[in-house]
C-alpha atoms as a PDB file:
ATOM      1  CA  UNK A   1      66.694  19.851   5.343  1.00  0.00           C
ATOM      2  CA  UNK A   2      63.040  20.239   6.367  1.00  0.00           C
ATOM      3  CA  UNK A   3      60.847  23.045   6.789  1.00  0.00           C
ATOM      4  CA  UNK A   4      59.835  22.288  10.553  1.00  0.00           C
ATOM      5  CA  UNK A   5      63.811  22.394  10.986  1.00  0.00           C
ATOM      6  CA  UNK A   6      64.321  25.334   9.031  1.00  0.00           C
ATOM      7  CA  UNK A   7      61.742  27.135  11.221  1.00  0.00           C
ATOM      8  CA  UNK A   8      63.477  26.248  14.752  1.00  0.00           C
ATOM      9  CA  UNK A   9      67.126  27.460  13.694  1.00  0.00           C
ATOM     10  CA  UNK A  10      65.551  30.634  12.651  1.00  0.00           C
ATOM     11  CA  UNK A  11      63.522  30.767  16.047  1.00  0.00           C
ATOM     12  CA  UNK A  12      66.805  29.916  18.004  1.00  0.00           C
ATOM     13  CA  UNK A  13      68.393  32.505  16.389  1.00  0.00           C
ATOM     14  CA  UNK A  14      65.781  35.188  17.464  1.00  0.00           C
ATOM     15  CA  UNK A  15      66.825  34.477  20.738  1.00  0.00           C
ATOM     16  CA  UNK A  16      69.403  36.196  22.971  1.00  0.00           C
ATOM     17  CA  UNK A  17      72.997  34.177  23.386  1.00  0.00           C
ATOM     18  CA  UNK A  18      72.287  32.682  27.136  1.00  0.00           C
ATOM     19  CA  UNK A  19      68.982  32.268  25.473  1.00  0.00           C
ATOM     20  CA  UNK A  20      70.380  30.303  22.868  1.00  0.00           C
ATOM     21  CA  UNK A  21      73.152  28.201  25.152  1.00  0.00           C
ATOM     22  CA  UNK A  22      69.940  27.531  27.547  1.00  0.00           C
ATOM     23  CA  UNK A  23      68.336  26.025  24.501  1.00  0.00           C
ATOM     24  CA  UNK A  24      71.509  23.692  22.895  1.00  0.00           C
ATOM     25  CA  UNK A  25      71.817  22.397  26.133  1.00  0.00           C
ATOM     26  CA  UNK A  26      68.842  21.248  26.807  1.00  0.00           C
ATOM     27  CA  UNK A  27      68.127  20.096  23.282  1.00  0.00           C
ATOM     28  CA  UNK A  28      71.813  17.850  23.861  1.00  0.00           C
ATOM     29  CA  UNK A  29      70.255  15.847  27.300  1.00  0.00           C
ATOM     30  CA  UNK A  30      69.030  12.489  27.132  1.00  0.00           C
ATOM     31  CA  UNK A  31      66.341  10.802  29.256  1.00  0.00           C
ATOM     32  CA  UNK A  32      67.558   8.554  31.985  1.00  0.00           C
ATOM     33  CA  UNK A  33      66.047   5.112  29.943  1.00  0.00           C
ATOM     34  CA  UNK A  34      67.324   6.448  26.745  1.00  0.00           C
ATOM     35  CA  UNK A  35      71.380   7.272  28.735  1.00  0.00           C
ATOM     36  CA  UNK A  36      71.023   3.768  30.124  1.00  0.00           C
ATOM     37  CA  UNK A  37      70.562   2.183  27.020  1.00  0.00           C
ATOM     38  CA  UNK A  38      73.375   4.169  25.657  1.00  0.00           C
ATOM     39  CA  UNK A  39      76.033   3.289  28.124  1.00  0.00           C
ATOM     40  CA  UNK A  40      74.623  -0.370  27.868  1.00  0.00           C
ATOM     41  CA  UNK A  41      75.329  -0.116  24.010  1.00  0.00           C
ATOM     42  CA  UNK A  42      79.047   0.908  24.643  1.00  0.00           C
ATOM     43  CA  UNK A  43      79.576  -1.594  27.330  1.00  0.00           C
ATOM     44  CA  UNK A  44      79.301  -3.727  24.769  1.00  0.00           C
ATOM     45  CA  UNK A  45      81.491  -2.521  22.476  1.00  0.00           C
ATOM     46  CA  UNK A  46      84.123  -1.961  24.746  1.00  0.00           C
ATOM     47  CA  UNK A  47      83.667  -5.446  25.993  1.00  0.00           C
ATOM     48  CA  UNK A  48      83.839  -6.704  22.405  1.00  0.00           C
ATOM     49  CA  UNK A  49      86.530  -4.524  21.341  1.00  0.00           C
ATOM     50  CA  UNK A  50      88.892  -5.553  24.642  1.00  0.00           C
ATOM     51  CA  UNK A  51      87.813  -9.242  23.919  1.00  0.00           C
ATOM     52  CA  UNK A  52      89.520  -8.512  20.187  1.00  0.00           C
ATOM     53  CA  UNK A  53      92.235  -6.783  21.628  1.00  0.00           C
ATOM     54  CA  UNK A  54      93.279  -9.887  24.322  1.00  0.00           C
ATOM     55  CA  UNK A  55      92.812 -12.809  22.172  1.00  0.00           C
ATOM     56  CA  UNK A  56      95.080 -11.299  19.549  1.00  0.00           C
ATOM     57  CA  UNK A  57      92.101 -11.380  16.433  1.00  0.00           C
ATOM     58  CA  UNK A  58      92.981  -7.296  16.246  1.00  0.00           C
ATOM     59  CA  UNK A  59      96.317  -5.261  17.127  1.00  0.00           C
ATOM     60  CA  UNK A  60      96.281  -1.920  19.043  1.00  0.00           C
ATOM     61  CA  UNK A  61      97.040   1.241  17.128  1.00  0.00           C
ATOM     62  CA  UNK A  62      99.132   4.479  18.480  1.00  0.00           C
ATOM     63  CA  UNK A  63      96.778   7.944  18.488  1.00  0.00           C
ATOM     64  CA  UNK A  64      99.592   9.413  16.737  1.00  0.00           C
ATOM     65  CA  UNK A  65      99.287   6.423  13.435  1.00  0.00           C
ATOM     66  CA  UNK A  66      95.369   6.569  14.281  1.00  0.00           C
ATOM     67  CA  UNK A  67      95.675  10.176  13.401  1.00  0.00           C
ATOM     68  CA  UNK A  68      97.421   9.816   9.872  1.00  0.00           C
ATOM     69  CA  UNK A  69      95.468   7.102   8.684  1.00  0.00           C
ATOM     70  CA  UNK A  70      92.318   9.426   9.119  1.00  0.00           C
ATOM     71  CA  UNK A  71      94.363  11.783   7.313  1.00  0.00           C
ATOM     72  CA  UNK A  72      95.719  10.200   4.899  1.00  0.00           C
ATOM     73  CA  UNK A  73      91.995   8.758   4.110  1.00  0.00           C
ATOM     74  CA  UNK A  74      90.218  12.640   4.385  1.00  0.00           C
ATOM     75  CA  UNK A  75      93.098  13.664   1.916  1.00  0.00           C
ATOM     76  CA  UNK A  76      92.896  10.724  -0.628  1.00  0.00           C
ATOM     77  CA  UNK A  77      88.678  11.484  -0.642  1.00  0.00           C
ATOM     78  CA  UNK A  78      89.547  14.998  -1.319  1.00  0.00           C
ATOM     79  CA  UNK A  79      91.019  14.357  -4.687  1.00  0.00           C
END
């Protein structure tokens, strides 16, 4: 963590709960041009993934199976 970030965090902790909430929401906001770029990137990803499923290049995995895979990989990393 940089000293600048540590100072911002310390200043944030000095705020009351309402001010912290407002600051957190403000930090999460993205301006319109950045959001448009993010949306375009996601549209490309979704389109590519859909094409992969439709073409048979990849096979969909159920949500439960995905969670099981993630848990197994996480457990393996902890060893």
